[in-house]
Amino acid sequence: MLLVLSALEIGLFIWVGGMIGPWWVVIIIIMTGIIGIYLAKQQGIDIWKKAQASIQRGEAPTGYIIDGICILIGAALLFAPGFITDTTGFLLVIPATRNMFKHSIEKLIRRMMDKNTIIYRRW
């Protein structure tokens, strides 16, 4: 999967670079990284504050934890250079589009817990 993604990213770099020039591709990659990390930081702080408020009200911050996982994955993808990874990273970081992924990530975590890949214990 990683090999295919890398090959697609390189092909996309070459294709876009041929249309707009290689220096513009470098500038776009740097700018999307900077903007994406800034956005991920803002969203992460916002979710952290909402989770803390939820805990103070005596509620489980389950939804906020999934949001935090989405933001963390999105930030990692935004840090990696590439158009595909940046697009996916932005989709995970932006609140309006993050909901598309939340259900799938929650199902994956539940499956991992059922297989004891992730161990969850209540005290």
N, C-alpha and C. Protein backbone atom coordinates (compact mmCIF):
# COMPACT_ATOMS: atom_id res chain seq x y z
N MET A 1 0.83 -1.20 0.00
CA MET A 1 0.00 0.00 0.00
C MET A 1 0.87 1.26 0.00
N LEU A 2 1.91 1.24 0.86
CA LEU A 2 2.79 2.39 0.94
C LEU A 2 3.56 2.60 -0.36
N LEU A 3 3.94 1.51 -0.99
CA LEU A 3 4.66 1.59 -2.27
C LEU A 3 3.77 2.17 -3.36
N VAL A 4 2.52 1.73 -3.40
CA VAL A 4 1.58 2.23 -4.41
C VAL A 4 1.30 3.71 -4.18
N LEU A 5 1.10 4.10 -2.92
CA LEU A 5 0.85 5.51 -2.59
C LEU A 5 2.05 6.38 -3.00
N SER A 6 3.25 5.90 -2.70
CA SER A 6 4.46 6.65 -3.07
C SER A 6 4.56 6.82 -4.59
N ALA A 7 4.28 5.75 -5.31
CA ALA A 7 4.35 5.82 -6.78
C ALA A 7 3.30 6.79 -7.33
N LEU A 8 2.09 6.74 -6.76
CA LEU A 8 1.05 7.68 -7.19
C LEU A 8 1.44 9.13 -6.90
N GLU A 9 2.00 9.36 -5.72
CA GLU A 9 2.42 10.73 -5.36
C GLU A 9 3.50 11.23 -6.31
N ILE A 10 4.49 10.40 -6.62
CA ILE A 10 5.56 10.80 -7.54
C ILE A 10 5.00 11.09 -8.92
N GLY A 11 4.12 10.21 -9.39
CA GLY A 11 3.49 10.44 -10.70
C GLY A 11 2.70 11.73 -10.73
N LEU A 12 1.99 12.02 -9.65
CA LEU A 12 1.22 13.25 -9.57
C LEU A 12 2.13 14.47 -9.52
N PHE A 13 3.25 14.36 -8.79
CA PHE A 13 4.24 15.46 -8.76
C PHE A 13 4.74 15.78 -10.16
N ILE A 14 5.08 14.74 -10.90
CA ILE A 14 5.61 14.92 -12.25
C ILE A 14 4.56 15.52 -13.16
N TRP A 15 3.34 15.00 -13.08
CA TRP A 15 2.26 15.48 -13.94
C TRP A 15 1.93 16.95 -13.65
N VAL A 16 1.73 17.28 -12.37
CA VAL A 16 1.41 18.67 -12.00
C VAL A 16 2.60 19.58 -12.28
N GLY A 17 3.81 19.08 -11.97
CA GLY A 17 5.01 19.87 -12.24
C GLY A 17 5.17 20.19 -13.72
N GLY A 18 4.76 19.28 -14.59
CA GLY A 18 4.81 19.53 -16.03
C GLY A 18 3.81 20.60 -16.46
N MET A 19 2.71 20.71 -15.73
CA MET A 19 1.70 21.72 -16.08
C MET A 19 2.01 23.09 -15.51
N ILE A 20 2.44 23.15 -14.24
CA ILE A 20 2.61 24.46 -13.60
C ILE A 20 4.06 24.78 -13.28
N GLY A 21 4.95 23.83 -13.40
CA GLY A 21 6.36 24.05 -13.11
C GLY A 21 6.75 23.44 -11.77
N PRO A 22 7.97 22.94 -11.70
CA PRO A 22 8.40 22.24 -10.49
C PRO A 22 8.48 23.13 -9.25
N TRP A 23 8.85 24.40 -9.41
CA TRP A 23 8.96 25.28 -8.24
C TRP A 23 7.59 25.58 -7.64
N TRP A 24 6.58 25.65 -8.48
CA TRP A 24 5.23 25.86 -7.95
C TRP A 24 4.76 24.63 -7.16
N VAL A 25 5.16 23.46 -7.61
CA VAL A 25 4.81 22.24 -6.88
C VAL A 25 5.45 22.27 -5.50
N VAL A 26 6.73 22.66 -5.43
CA VAL A 26 7.42 22.75 -4.14
C VAL A 26 6.74 23.77 -3.24
N ILE A 27 6.39 24.92 -3.79
CA ILE A 27 5.72 25.97 -3.00
C ILE A 27 4.36 25.47 -2.50
N ILE A 28 3.60 24.80 -3.35
CA ILE A 28 2.29 24.27 -2.94
C ILE A 28 2.45 23.24 -1.83
N ILE A 29 3.43 22.36 -1.94
CA ILE A 29 3.66 21.34 -0.92
C ILE A 29 4.01 21.99 0.42
N ILE A 30 4.88 22.97 0.39
CA ILE A 30 5.27 23.66 1.63
C ILE A 30 4.08 24.41 2.23
N MET A 31 3.32 25.11 1.40
CA MET A 31 2.19 25.90 1.89
C MET A 31 1.08 25.00 2.46
N THR A 32 0.77 23.90 1.78
CA THR A 32 -0.27 23.01 2.31
C THR A 32 0.18 22.39 3.62
N GLY A 33 1.46 22.11 3.74
CA GLY A 33 1.98 21.59 5.00
C GLY A 33 1.85 22.59 6.14
N ILE A 34 2.23 23.83 5.89
CA ILE A 34 2.15 24.87 6.91
C ILE A 34 0.70 25.15 7.30
N ILE A 35 -0.15 25.35 6.31
CA ILE A 35 -1.57 25.62 6.58
C ILE A 35 -2.22 24.41 7.28
N GLY A 36 -1.91 23.23 6.82
CA GLY A 36 -2.51 22.02 7.39
C GLY A 36 -2.11 21.80 8.84
N ILE A 37 -0.84 21.97 9.15
CA ILE A 37 -0.38 21.78 10.52
C ILE A 37 -0.99 22.84 11.44
N TYR A 38 -1.08 24.07 10.96
CA TYR A 38 -1.71 25.14 11.75
C TYR A 38 -3.18 24.80 12.03
N LEU A 39 -3.88 24.35 11.00
CA LEU A 39 -5.29 23.97 11.16
C LEU A 39 -5.44 22.78 12.10
N ALA A 40 -4.55 21.80 11.97
CA ALA A 40 -4.60 20.62 12.85
C ALA A 40 -4.36 21.03 14.30
N LYS A 41 -3.44 21.95 14.51
CA LYS A 41 -3.16 22.42 15.87
C LYS A 41 -4.39 23.11 16.46
N GLN A 42 -5.01 23.98 15.67
CA GLN A 42 -6.22 24.68 16.13
C GLN A 42 -7.33 23.69 16.45
N GLN A 43 -7.57 22.75 15.56
CA GLN A 43 -8.64 21.78 15.76
C GLN A 43 -8.34 20.87 16.95
N GLY A 44 -7.07 20.49 17.10
CA GLY A 44 -6.68 19.66 18.22
C GLY A 44 -6.92 20.34 19.56
N ILE A 45 -6.56 21.61 19.65
CA ILE A 45 -6.79 22.38 20.89
C ILE A 45 -8.28 22.50 21.16
N ASP A 46 -9.05 22.76 20.11
CA ASP A 46 -10.50 22.90 20.26
C ASP A 46 -11.14 21.60 20.77
N ILE A 47 -10.75 20.48 20.19
CA ILE A 47 -11.28 19.18 20.61
C ILE A 47 -10.83 18.86 22.03
N TRP A 48 -9.60 19.19 22.37
CA TRP A 48 -9.09 18.95 23.73
C TRP A 48 -9.94 19.70 24.75
N LYS A 49 -10.24 20.97 24.46
CA LYS A 49 -11.07 21.77 25.38
C LYS A 49 -12.48 21.20 25.49
N LYS A 50 -13.05 20.76 24.37
CA LYS A 50 -14.39 20.17 24.41
C LYS A 50 -14.39 18.86 25.20
N ALA A 51 -13.36 18.07 25.05
CA ALA A 51 -13.26 16.81 25.79
C ALA A 51 -13.14 17.08 27.29
N GLN A 52 -12.33 18.07 27.65
CA GLN A 52 -12.19 18.42 29.06
C GLN A 52 -13.51 18.88 29.64
N ALA A 53 -14.24 19.70 28.89
CA ALA A 53 -15.55 20.17 29.36
C ALA A 53 -16.51 19.00 29.52
N SER A 54 -16.45 18.05 28.61
CA SER A 54 -17.31 16.86 28.68
C SER A 54 -16.99 16.05 29.93
N ILE A 55 -15.73 15.88 30.23
CA ILE A 55 -15.32 15.14 31.42
C ILE A 55 -15.78 15.87 32.68
N GLN A 56 -15.66 17.17 32.69
CA GLN A 56 -16.08 17.96 33.86
C GLN A 56 -17.58 17.84 34.10
N ARG A 57 -18.33 17.65 33.02
CA ARG A 57 -19.79 17.45 33.16
C ARG A 57 -20.13 16.02 33.55
N GLY A 58 -19.13 15.16 33.62
CA GLY A 58 -19.35 13.77 33.99
C GLY A 58 -19.72 12.88 32.82
N GLU A 59 -19.49 13.35 31.60
CA GLU A 59 -19.80 12.58 30.41
C GLU A 59 -18.54 11.94 29.85
N ALA A 60 -18.69 10.83 29.17
CA ALA A 60 -17.55 10.19 28.50
C ALA A 60 -17.25 10.94 27.20
N PRO A 61 -15.99 11.29 26.98
CA PRO A 61 -15.64 12.06 25.77
C PRO A 61 -15.39 11.18 24.54
N THR A 62 -16.17 10.14 24.36
CA THR A 62 -15.94 9.16 23.29
C THR A 62 -15.84 9.80 21.91
N GLY A 63 -16.81 10.63 21.56
CA GLY A 63 -16.80 11.27 20.25
C GLY A 63 -15.60 12.17 20.06
N TYR A 64 -15.19 12.84 21.14
CA TYR A 64 -14.04 13.73 21.05
C TYR A 64 -12.73 12.95 20.90
N ILE A 65 -12.70 11.76 21.48
CA ILE A 65 -11.51 10.92 21.31
C ILE A 65 -11.37 10.50 19.85
N ILE A 66 -12.46 10.12 19.23
CA ILE A 66 -12.43 9.75 17.80
C ILE A 66 -12.03 10.96 16.96
N ASP A 67 -12.57 12.14 17.30
CA ASP A 67 -12.17 13.37 16.60
C ASP A 67 -10.66 13.59 16.73
N GLY A 68 -10.15 13.39 17.95
CA GLY A 68 -8.72 13.57 18.19
C GLY A 68 -7.88 12.61 17.38
N ILE A 69 -8.34 11.37 17.26
CA ILE A 69 -7.62 10.38 16.45
C ILE A 69 -7.61 10.81 14.98
N CYS A 70 -8.76 11.29 14.50
CA CYS A 70 -8.84 11.77 13.11
C CYS A 70 -7.87 12.93 12.88
N ILE A 71 -7.83 13.86 13.83
CA ILE A 71 -6.95 15.02 13.69
C ILE A 71 -5.49 14.58 13.72
N LEU A 72 -5.16 13.64 14.59
CA LEU A 72 -3.78 13.15 14.68
C LEU A 72 -3.35 12.48 13.37
N ILE A 73 -4.20 11.63 12.84
CA ILE A 73 -3.89 10.98 11.55
C ILE A 73 -3.79 12.02 10.44
N GLY A 74 -4.74 12.98 10.43
CA GLY A 74 -4.72 14.03 9.42
C GLY A 74 -3.46 14.87 9.49
N ALA A 75 -3.02 15.21 10.71
CA ALA A 75 -1.80 16.01 10.87
C ALA A 75 -0.58 15.25 10.35
N ALA A 76 -0.53 13.95 10.63
CA ALA A 76 0.59 13.13 10.13
C ALA A 76 0.60 13.10 8.60
N LEU A 77 -0.58 12.98 8.01
CA LEU A 77 -0.66 12.97 6.54
C LEU A 77 -0.31 14.33 5.96
N LEU A 78 -0.68 15.41 6.64
CA LEU A 78 -0.36 16.75 6.15
C LEU A 78 1.14 17.03 6.24
N PHE A 79 1.79 16.40 7.19
CA PHE A 79 3.22 16.60 7.35
C PHE A 79 4.00 15.88 6.25
N ALA A 80 3.43 14.80 5.72
CA ALA A 80 4.07 14.06 4.63
C ALA A 80 3.84 14.80 3.32
N PRO A 81 4.87 14.97 2.51
CA PRO A 81 4.68 15.69 1.24
C PRO A 81 3.88 14.85 0.24
N GLY A 82 2.96 15.50 -0.42
CA GLY A 82 2.19 14.82 -1.45
C GLY A 82 0.79 15.38 -1.56
N PHE A 83 0.25 15.32 -2.75
CA PHE A 83 -1.09 15.85 -2.98
C PHE A 83 -2.17 14.92 -2.42
N ILE A 84 -1.98 13.63 -2.57
CA ILE A 84 -2.98 12.67 -2.08
C ILE A 84 -3.01 12.68 -0.56
N THR A 85 -1.83 12.63 0.06
CA THR A 85 -1.78 12.65 1.52
C THR A 85 -2.28 13.97 2.08
N ASP A 86 -1.97 15.07 1.42
CA ASP A 86 -2.46 16.37 1.88
C ASP A 86 -3.98 16.47 1.78
N THR A 87 -4.54 15.99 0.69
CA THR A 87 -5.99 16.03 0.53
C THR A 87 -6.67 15.19 1.60
N THR A 88 -6.16 13.98 1.82
CA THR A 88 -6.73 13.12 2.86
C THR A 88 -6.55 13.74 4.23
N GLY A 89 -5.39 14.34 4.48
CA GLY A 89 -5.14 15.00 5.75
C GLY A 89 -6.09 16.15 6.01
N PHE A 90 -6.33 16.97 5.00
CA PHE A 90 -7.28 18.08 5.16
C PHE A 90 -8.69 17.56 5.42
N LEU A 91 -9.07 16.49 4.74
CA LEU A 91 -10.40 15.91 4.97
C LEU A 91 -10.57 15.42 6.40
N LEU A 92 -9.48 14.92 6.99
CA LEU A 92 -9.54 14.43 8.37
C LEU A 92 -9.50 15.56 9.40
N VAL A 93 -8.89 16.67 9.04
CA VAL A 93 -8.73 17.77 9.99
C VAL A 93 -9.93 18.72 9.99
N ILE A 94 -10.50 18.97 8.84
CA ILE A 94 -11.62 19.91 8.74
C ILE A 94 -12.87 19.27 9.34
N PRO A 95 -13.52 19.96 10.30
CA PRO A 95 -14.66 19.35 11.00
C PRO A 95 -15.80 18.90 10.09
N ALA A 96 -16.10 19.65 9.06
CA ALA A 96 -17.24 19.31 8.20
C ALA A 96 -17.01 18.01 7.44
N THR A 97 -15.77 17.71 7.09
CA THR A 97 -15.49 16.50 6.32
C THR A 97 -14.98 15.36 7.20
N ARG A 98 -14.60 15.66 8.42
CA ARG A 98 -14.09 14.64 9.34
C ARG A 98 -15.14 13.58 9.64
N ASN A 99 -16.41 13.96 9.65
CA ASN A 99 -17.48 13.02 9.97
C ASN A 99 -17.56 11.85 9.00
N MET A 100 -17.07 12.03 7.77
CA MET A 100 -17.06 10.92 6.81
C MET A 100 -16.19 9.77 7.30
N PHE A 101 -15.16 10.07 8.08
CA PHE A 101 -14.19 9.07 8.51
C PHE A 101 -14.44 8.55 9.91
N LYS A 102 -15.17 9.31 10.72
CA LYS A 102 -15.32 8.95 12.13
C LYS A 102 -15.93 7.58 12.33
N HIS A 103 -16.97 7.26 11.59
CA HIS A 103 -17.65 5.97 11.76
C HIS A 103 -16.70 4.82 11.40
N SER A 104 -15.95 4.96 10.32
CA SER A 104 -15.02 3.90 9.90
C SER A 104 -13.92 3.70 10.92
N ILE A 105 -13.39 4.79 11.47
CA ILE A 105 -12.32 4.69 12.46
C ILE A 105 -12.85 4.06 13.74
N GLU A 106 -14.07 4.44 14.13
CA GLU A 106 -14.68 3.86 15.33
C GLU A 106 -14.89 2.35 15.14
N LYS A 107 -15.35 1.92 13.96
CA LYS A 107 -15.52 0.49 13.69
C LYS A 107 -14.19 -0.24 13.74
N LEU A 108 -13.14 0.37 13.20
CA LEU A 108 -11.81 -0.24 13.21
C LEU A 108 -11.32 -0.41 14.65
N ILE A 109 -11.50 0.60 15.47
CA ILE A 109 -11.07 0.51 16.87
C ILE A 109 -11.86 -0.57 17.60
N ARG A 110 -13.17 -0.63 17.36
CA ARG A 110 -13.99 -1.67 18.01
C ARG A 110 -13.54 -3.08 17.58
N ARG A 111 -13.23 -3.24 16.29
CA ARG A 111 -12.75 -4.54 15.80
C ARG A 111 -11.43 -4.91 16.46
N MET A 112 -10.54 -3.92 16.61
CA MET A 112 -9.25 -4.18 17.24
C MET A 112 -9.43 -4.53 18.72
N MET A 113 -10.40 -3.89 19.37
CA MET A 113 -10.68 -4.21 20.77
C MET A 113 -11.25 -5.62 20.89
N ASP A 114 -12.12 -6.01 19.97
CA ASP A 114 -12.70 -7.35 19.99
C ASP A 114 -11.65 -8.44 19.78
N LYS A 115 -10.62 -8.13 18.99
CA LYS A 115 -9.55 -9.10 18.73
C LYS A 115 -8.43 -9.00 19.77
N ASN A 116 -8.62 -8.15 20.78
CA ASN A 116 -7.62 -7.90 21.82
C ASN A 116 -6.34 -7.30 21.28
N THR A 117 -6.41 -6.65 20.13
CA THR A 117 -5.27 -5.90 19.62
C THR A 117 -5.12 -4.63 20.46
N ILE A 118 -6.24 -4.04 20.83
CA ILE A 118 -6.29 -2.93 21.76
C ILE A 118 -6.98 -3.45 23.01
N ILE A 119 -6.35 -3.28 24.13
CA ILE A 119 -6.93 -3.77 25.38
C ILE A 119 -7.50 -2.59 26.14
N TYR A 120 -8.78 -2.68 26.45
CA TYR A 120 -9.48 -1.63 27.17
C TYR A 120 -9.93 -2.19 28.49
N ARG A 121 -9.56 -1.53 29.57
CA ARG A 121 -9.96 -1.97 30.90
C ARG A 121 -10.59 -0.83 31.64
N ARG A 122 -11.69 -1.12 32.30
CA ARG A 122 -12.32 -0.12 33.15
C ARG A 122 -11.81 -0.34 34.57
N TRP A 123 -11.55 0.71 35.26
CA TRP A 123 -11.05 0.60 36.63
C TRP A 123 -12.17 0.56 37.59
